[in-house]
Protein backbone atom coordinates (compact mmCIF):
# COMPACT_ATOMS: atom_id res chain seq x y z
CA MET A 1 10.26 93.23 -9.31
CA LEU A 2 8.01 90.05 -9.88
CA ASN A 3 9.15 88.95 -6.34
CA TRP A 4 9.22 91.98 -4.57
CA HIS A 5 6.51 92.30 -1.57
CA LEU A 6 5.73 95.90 -2.78
CA SER A 7 4.75 95.17 -6.30
CA GLN A 8 4.48 91.18 -6.67
CA ASP A 9 0.45 91.70 -6.72
CA CYS A 10 0.86 94.16 -9.82
CA PHE A 11 2.52 91.48 -11.97
CA SER A 12 0.95 87.96 -10.84
CA ASP A 13 -1.68 86.67 -8.67
CA VAL A 14 -1.58 84.89 -5.43
CA GLU A 15 -2.44 81.49 -6.76
CA MET A 16 -0.16 81.44 -9.78
CA ARG A 17 2.87 82.40 -7.46
CA ARG A 18 1.55 79.33 -4.85
CA ILE A 19 1.91 76.98 -7.96
CA TRP A 20 5.50 77.96 -9.05
CA SER A 21 6.70 78.98 -5.41
CA GLU A 22 10.07 77.19 -4.42
CA ASN A 23 8.31 75.27 -2.07
CA SER A 24 5.40 73.95 -4.36
CA THR A 25 8.20 73.19 -6.98
CA LEU A 26 10.21 71.07 -4.61
CA SER A 27 7.11 69.32 -3.54
CA ALA A 28 6.50 68.39 -7.26
CA TRP A 29 9.67 67.16 -7.69
CA ILE A 30 9.32 64.76 -4.49
CA LYS A 31 5.64 64.05 -5.85
CA VAL A 32 7.10 62.83 -9.13
CA GLU A 33 9.83 60.58 -7.55
CA GLN A 34 7.26 59.02 -5.02
CA THR A 35 4.88 58.56 -7.98
CA LEU A 36 7.56 56.61 -9.80
CA ALA A 37 8.67 54.53 -7.15
CA ASN A 38 5.11 53.55 -6.35
CA VAL A 39 4.53 52.49 -10.23
CA GLN A 40 7.66 50.64 -10.09
CA ALA A 41 6.84 48.65 -6.90
CA GLN A 42 3.58 47.66 -8.48
CA SER A 43 5.52 46.28 -11.31
CA GLY A 44 7.52 44.53 -9.00
CA LEU A 45 10.63 46.51 -10.11
CA ILE A 46 11.41 47.65 -6.50
CA PRO A 47 10.08 46.66 -2.91
CA GLN A 48 7.10 48.02 -1.83
CA GLU A 49 8.62 48.77 1.37
CA ALA A 50 11.06 51.24 -0.61
CA ALA A 51 7.98 52.92 -2.35
CA ASP A 52 6.26 53.33 0.97
CA LYS A 53 9.36 55.03 2.69
CA ILE A 54 9.68 56.95 -0.19
CA ALA A 55 6.22 58.48 0.18
CA THR A 56 7.11 59.71 3.81
CA PHE A 57 9.64 62.19 2.34
CA SER A 58 8.41 65.92 2.00
CA ALA A 59 10.06 69.09 1.22
CA SER A 60 10.02 69.84 5.00
CA HIS A 61 12.75 67.05 5.16
CA LEU A 62 15.27 68.91 2.96
CA ASP A 63 18.29 70.81 3.66
CA GLN A 64 17.80 73.61 1.34
CA ASP A 65 20.97 75.57 1.96
CA GLN A 66 22.55 72.18 1.12
CA MET A 67 20.65 71.72 -2.13
CA ARG A 68 21.64 75.32 -2.82
CA ASP A 69 25.18 74.71 -2.61
CA ALA A 70 25.00 71.39 -4.57
CA MET A 71 23.23 73.04 -7.21
CA THR A 72 25.89 75.96 -7.51
CA MET A 73 28.56 72.78 -8.12
CA VAL A 74 26.63 70.26 -10.10
CA GLY A 75 24.45 72.53 -12.03
CA ARG A 76 21.33 70.23 -11.40
CA PRO A 77 18.83 70.31 -8.39
CA ILE A 78 17.91 66.79 -8.51
CA VAL A 79 21.02 65.20 -7.50
CA ASP A 80 21.23 66.33 -4.06
CA LEU A 81 17.35 65.77 -3.81
CA VAL A 82 17.92 62.47 -4.29
CA ALA A 83 20.98 62.15 -1.95
CA GLN A 84 18.71 63.34 0.52
CA MET A 85 15.86 61.31 0.01
CA ARG A 86 18.13 58.27 0.04
CA ALA A 87 19.70 59.41 3.22
CA HIS A 88 16.05 59.51 4.57
CA ILE A 89 14.88 56.21 3.60
CA GLY A 90 18.24 54.25 4.73
CA PRO A 91 20.99 52.50 3.15
CA ASN A 92 19.52 49.17 2.51
CA LEU A 93 16.47 50.89 0.53
CA ALA A 94 18.44 53.81 -1.03
CA PRO A 95 19.34 52.12 -4.36
CA TYR A 96 15.61 52.13 -5.14
CA ALA A 97 14.98 55.86 -5.01
CA HIS A 98 15.19 57.63 -8.30
CA TYR A 99 15.46 54.03 -9.93
CA ASN A 100 16.15 54.01 -13.69
CA SER A 101 15.60 57.58 -13.56
CA THR A 102 17.39 60.82 -14.41
CA THR A 103 17.19 64.54 -13.63
CA GLN A 104 15.22 65.55 -16.71
CA ASP A 105 12.65 62.94 -15.90
CA ILE A 106 11.84 64.62 -12.58
CA LEU A 107 12.03 68.28 -13.68
CA ASP A 108 10.06 68.01 -17.26
CA THR A 109 7.31 65.71 -15.31
CA ALA A 110 6.88 68.37 -12.35
CA LEU A 111 6.91 71.00 -14.93
CA ALA A 112 3.84 69.41 -16.79
CA MET A 113 2.25 69.08 -13.41
CA GLN A 114 2.69 72.76 -12.72
CA MET A 115 1.61 73.71 -16.11
CA LYS A 116 -1.83 71.86 -15.64
CA LEU A 117 -2.40 73.24 -12.33
CA SER A 118 -1.90 76.87 -13.75
CA LEU A 119 -3.90 76.22 -16.98
CA ASP A 120 -6.90 75.43 -14.91
CA ASN A 121 -6.31 78.58 -12.95
CA ILE A 122 -5.99 80.52 -16.20
CA ALA A 123 -9.22 79.02 -17.40
CA HIS A 124 -11.19 79.99 -14.58
CA THR A 125 -10.31 83.35 -14.52
CA ILE A 126 -11.11 83.83 -18.28
CA GLU A 127 -14.70 82.21 -17.56
CA ARG A 128 -15.07 85.01 -15.06
CA LEU A 129 -13.92 87.51 -17.34
CA ILE A 130 -16.38 86.49 -20.14
CA THR A 131 -19.20 86.60 -17.47
CA GLN A 132 -18.21 90.18 -16.76
CA LEU A 133 -18.26 90.93 -20.56
CA ASP A 134 -21.58 89.15 -20.81
CA ARG A 135 -22.97 91.40 -18.13
CA HIS A 136 -21.87 94.42 -20.12
CA ILE A 137 -23.39 93.23 -23.38
CA SER A 138 -26.41 92.57 -21.91
CA GLU A 139 -26.55 96.29 -20.40
CA GLN A 140 -25.53 97.83 -23.39
CA GLN A 141 -28.06 96.56 -25.93
CA ASP A 142 -29.25 99.99 -26.83
CA THR A 143 -25.82 101.88 -26.90
CA GLN A 144 -24.33 103.40 -29.86
CA ILE A 145 -20.59 104.41 -30.17
CA ILE A 146 -18.78 105.94 -32.81
CA GLY A 147 -16.40 103.44 -34.74
CA ARG A 148 -12.98 104.57 -35.17
CA THR A 149 -10.59 103.34 -38.08
CA ASN A 150 -6.96 104.44 -38.27
CA GLY A 151 -7.43 106.88 -35.27
CA GLN A 152 -10.44 108.76 -37.13
CA HIS A 153 -13.97 108.75 -36.46
CA ALA A 154 -15.78 106.20 -38.89
CA VAL A 155 -19.59 105.57 -38.83
CA PRO A 156 -21.70 104.50 -35.60
CA MET A 157 -21.93 100.87 -34.35
CA ALA A 158 -23.35 99.22 -31.52
CA MET A 159 -21.23 99.46 -28.24
CA THR A 160 -22.28 95.53 -27.92
CA ASN A 161 -20.37 94.75 -31.34
CA LYS A 162 -17.16 96.17 -29.79
CA LEU A 163 -17.64 94.01 -26.51
CA GLN A 164 -18.58 90.94 -28.53
CA VAL A 165 -15.32 91.03 -30.49
CA TRP A 166 -13.29 91.01 -27.35
CA ARG A 167 -15.64 88.18 -26.04
CA SER A 168 -15.13 86.16 -29.01
CA GLU A 169 -11.42 86.76 -29.06
CA LEU A 170 -11.13 85.39 -25.33
CA LEU A 171 -12.90 82.39 -26.27
CA ARG A 172 -10.42 81.56 -29.02
CA ARG A 173 -7.56 82.00 -26.79
CA GLU A 174 -9.19 79.86 -24.20
CA GLN A 175 -9.67 77.10 -26.89
CA ALA A 176 -5.98 77.53 -28.10
CA LEU A 177 -4.73 76.80 -24.59
CA GLN A 178 -6.97 73.84 -24.38
CA ASP A 179 -5.66 72.49 -27.86
CA ALA A 180 -2.05 73.26 -26.59
CA ALA A 181 -2.59 71.29 -23.51
CA THR A 182 -3.41 68.46 -25.41
CA ARG A 183 0.03 68.24 -27.01
CA GLY A 184 2.03 69.75 -24.02
CA LEU A 185 1.08 68.20 -20.57
CA ASN A 186 2.98 64.95 -20.75
CA VAL A 187 5.13 62.93 -18.48
CA GLN A 188 8.89 62.49 -19.15
CA ILE A 189 9.76 58.74 -17.94
CA GLY A 190 12.58 57.54 -20.07
CA GLY A 191 15.91 57.54 -18.15
CA PRO A 192 19.18 59.02 -19.31
CA LEU A 193 18.36 59.30 -23.15
CA GLY A 194 14.65 59.03 -22.74
CA ASP A 195 14.58 55.75 -24.64
CA LEU A 196 13.47 53.37 -21.67
CA ALA A 197 16.67 51.63 -22.19
CA LYS A 198 17.32 50.72 -18.68
CA TYR A 199 14.00 48.84 -18.60
CA ASP A 200 13.51 45.13 -19.87
CA GLY A 201 11.14 44.50 -22.53
CA ASP A 202 7.88 46.34 -22.34
CA THR A 203 8.19 47.11 -18.40
CA GLY A 204 9.38 50.52 -19.14
CA GLN A 205 6.35 51.59 -21.25
CA ALA A 206 4.09 50.22 -18.17
CA VAL A 207 6.04 52.40 -15.81
CA LYS A 208 5.59 55.39 -18.14
CA THR A 209 1.70 54.80 -18.75
CA GLY A 210 1.38 54.23 -14.89
CA VAL A 211 2.85 57.51 -14.07
CA ALA A 212 0.98 59.28 -16.49
CA ASP A 213 -2.28 57.88 -15.45
CA ALA A 214 -1.38 58.68 -11.70
CA LEU A 215 -0.47 62.22 -12.40
CA GLY A 216 -3.57 62.96 -14.75
CA LEU A 217 -1.01 63.67 -17.86
CA GLY A 218 -0.39 62.53 -21.23
CA GLN A 219 2.67 60.65 -22.92
CA ILE A 220 4.69 61.02 -26.08
CA ASP A 221 6.32 58.33 -27.70
CA PRO A 222 9.42 57.77 -27.46
CA HIS A 223 9.71 61.02 -25.43
CA TRP A 224 9.91 64.53 -25.55
CA GLN A 225 13.25 65.27 -23.80
CA ASN A 226 14.90 67.10 -26.92
CA ALA A 227 11.37 67.93 -28.77
CA ARG A 228 9.95 71.05 -27.09
CA ASP A 229 7.20 71.77 -29.52
CA GLY A 230 4.19 71.00 -27.15
CA LEU A 231 5.65 73.05 -24.51
CA SER A 232 6.53 75.73 -27.07
CA ASP A 233 2.50 75.42 -27.93
CA ILE A 234 1.45 76.03 -24.46
CA VAL A 235 3.69 79.13 -23.82
CA THR A 236 3.09 80.57 -26.98
CA ALA A 237 -0.65 80.36 -26.88
CA LEU A 238 0.05 82.11 -23.30
CA GLY A 239 1.44 84.69 -25.37
CA ALA A 240 -1.57 85.19 -27.65
CA LEU A 241 -3.53 85.46 -24.64
CA CYS A 242 -1.74 88.04 -23.17
CA ALA A 243 -1.72 90.01 -26.56
CA THR A 244 -5.48 90.17 -26.55
CA LEU A 245 -5.26 91.10 -23.16
CA CYS A 246 -3.02 94.16 -23.91
CA LYS A 247 -5.08 95.01 -27.06
CA ILE A 248 -8.39 95.14 -24.91
CA ALA A 249 -6.52 97.07 -22.09
CA HIS A 250 -5.08 99.65 -24.40
CA ASN A 251 -8.36 100.39 -26.26
CA ILE A 252 -10.26 100.63 -23.04
CA ASN A 253 -7.44 103.10 -21.55
CA LEU A 254 -7.87 105.21 -25.01
CA LEU A 255 -11.63 105.47 -24.48
CA SER A 256 -10.92 106.57 -20.99
CA SER A 257 -8.84 109.58 -21.69
CA SER A 258 -9.95 112.93 -21.13
CA ASP A 259 -10.54 113.72 -24.92
CA ILE A 260 -12.74 110.78 -25.13
CA ALA A 261 -14.20 110.04 -21.86
CA GLU A 262 -16.71 107.37 -23.09
CA VAL A 263 -15.83 104.72 -20.68
CA SER A 264 -13.82 104.69 -17.11
CA GLU A 265 -13.19 102.58 -14.49
CA CYS A 266 -15.32 102.77 -11.35
CA HIS A 267 -13.96 105.58 -9.38
CA VAL A 268 -12.93 105.41 -5.53
CA THR A 269 -11.18 107.96 -3.49
CA GLY A 270 -7.45 107.45 -3.74
CA LYS A 271 -7.64 104.83 -6.75
CA GLY A 272 -5.10 105.97 -9.67
CA ALA A 273 -4.07 109.21 -7.52
CA SER A 274 -1.27 111.27 -8.79
CA SER A 275 1.25 112.67 -6.26
CA SER A 276 1.27 115.92 -7.83
CA MET A 277 -2.00 116.77 -9.78
CA HIS A 278 -4.79 115.97 -7.52
CA HIS A 279 -7.56 116.32 -9.91
CA LYS A 280 -6.51 113.18 -11.71
CA ARG A 281 -8.21 109.91 -11.85
CA ASN A 282 -5.92 107.67 -13.58
CA GLN A 283 -6.98 104.30 -15.06
CA ARG A 284 -4.91 101.85 -13.28
CA ALA A 285 -6.32 98.53 -14.17
CA SER A 286 -6.23 98.86 -17.96
CA GLU A 287 -2.80 100.52 -17.65
CA PHE A 288 -1.46 97.69 -15.68
CA ALA A 289 -3.20 94.79 -17.77
CA GLU A 290 -1.64 96.40 -20.96
CA ALA A 291 1.57 96.63 -19.36
CA VAL A 292 1.61 93.15 -17.84
CA GLY A 293 0.03 91.80 -20.92
CA ARG A 294 2.77 93.18 -23.07
CA LEU A 295 5.50 91.56 -20.79
CA GLY A 296 3.97 88.28 -20.89
CA ARG A 297 3.57 88.18 -24.75
CA GLN A 298 7.37 89.53 -25.15
CA ARG A 299 8.50 86.78 -22.74
CA SER A 300 6.60 84.16 -24.45
CA GLU A 301 8.26 84.63 -27.61
CA GLN A 302 11.73 83.77 -26.12
CA ILE A 303 10.28 79.96 -26.09
CA GLY A 304 10.90 79.40 -29.74
CA GLU A 305 14.78 80.04 -29.34
CA LEU A 306 14.47 77.53 -26.40
CA THR A 307 13.42 74.51 -28.66
CA LEU A 308 16.54 74.35 -30.44
CA HIS A 309 18.02 71.63 -28.94
CA GLN A 310 21.49 69.91 -29.75
CA HIS A 311 21.30 66.00 -30.15
CA GLU A 312 19.46 64.15 -27.09
CA ARG A 313 19.42 67.09 -24.81
CA SER A 314 20.95 70.73 -24.71
CA GLY A 315 21.55 72.06 -21.23
CA GLY A 316 22.02 75.79 -22.88
CA VAL A 317 18.55 76.01 -23.95
CA TRP A 318 16.86 73.71 -21.23
CA ILE A 319 18.10 75.67 -18.51
CA ALA A 320 16.53 78.92 -19.95
CA GLU A 321 13.13 77.29 -19.78
CA TRP A 322 13.48 77.35 -16.00
CA VAL A 323 13.24 81.06 -16.06
CA VAL A 324 10.97 81.75 -19.08
CA VAL A 325 8.14 79.20 -18.48
CA PRO A 326 7.12 80.20 -14.89
CA GLU A 327 7.51 83.88 -15.63
CA VAL A 328 5.42 83.77 -18.72
CA PHE A 329 2.42 81.91 -16.57
CA LEU A 330 2.90 84.45 -13.72
CA LEU A 331 2.59 87.47 -16.11
CA THR A 332 -0.13 85.76 -17.87
CA SER A 333 -2.02 85.65 -14.48
CA GLY A 334 -1.12 89.29 -13.55
CA ALA A 335 -2.42 90.33 -16.87
CA LEU A 336 -5.54 88.29 -16.36
CA SER A 337 -6.14 89.50 -12.94
CA TRP A 338 -5.94 93.24 -13.83
CA SER A 339 -8.32 92.70 -17.09
CA GLU A 340 -10.88 91.02 -14.70
CA LYS A 341 -10.82 94.25 -12.21
CA MET A 342 -10.62 96.30 -15.51
CA ILE A 343 -13.97 94.95 -16.83
CA ALA A 344 -15.65 94.63 -13.76
CA ASP A 345 -15.32 97.85 -12.76
CA LEU A 346 -15.85 99.29 -16.28
CA THR A 347 -18.42 102.17 -16.63
CA VAL A 348 -20.16 103.02 -19.85
CA ASN A 349 -20.72 106.77 -20.45
CA ALA A 350 -23.67 106.61 -22.97
CA GLU A 351 -23.95 110.33 -22.84
CA GLN A 352 -20.75 111.29 -23.99
CA MET A 353 -20.92 108.53 -26.80
CA ALA A 354 -23.77 110.08 -27.99
CA LEU A 355 -22.14 113.67 -27.89
CA SER A 356 -19.43 111.74 -30.28
CA LEU A 357 -22.05 110.50 -32.49
């Protein structure tokens, strides 16, 4: 469903799908290999000629059917990617591609690159959402609404108070994501066991720092190969954001019900139409924001299970990340996209609110 042409826009936004597309992911893997080679060349570990030749390789050079077949056999995608890269640069330079590296170095560093782009995209969307809330707060300064506790009428309150609670919660979710990013966006450069054992002296640490600087990422010492807490922090923060969006959407949907009718989505002909009841104007943005927010929150909860590595690497949990992490980002983007539409189109019925009072 997430990839169907019919429904993909209902579950994620275009930019997030681009970031996590197969071609973008392949390109990210190659970018890590190229950056590693260039830093190693600058450190005198491999010839600059090799780094320059590796820099000419791109996803367009890959035989993806061959990669798929190798993936089925090997269980890892980087083995064949490196084989094709080595064939591209020629036998004399081939040993310098993927030098002193391992599959997890490439996949984890590329993952951090994609998460960094995704978090930037999410931050911009949250900022637009807050701008729309600010507009409503400004416009509803004199509007009163009945407060509701435990599903019952309570006492009158300012409509702006309800809106400001949503706004402040979104700001906290944005800050939580920024905090998580400081712990979770890191390179993985260490070789088979993450310990830089294939390098002499301090050379490995210098290469690791150089790759981190080149890609705009942080680093963890000694490594995070089997310590997934930083990644978990990011995914958990995304789940909490989805929970906030789900709650806001659910409340807007409740206020939009025929029995309350104190807010509604701006209506245009055909929007939220029913196939059998032509009088209906279903509130679709709040409905989808709630649904996709629920999915994102629920999916994010799986990350805790995937932090439980055995010894220095555990494929049984690492492989599951390859599905869970991208899907949480995709679903978060979908929940945000619907929330942005929902708040932008929100119409406040002050007269109905007055009647409820």
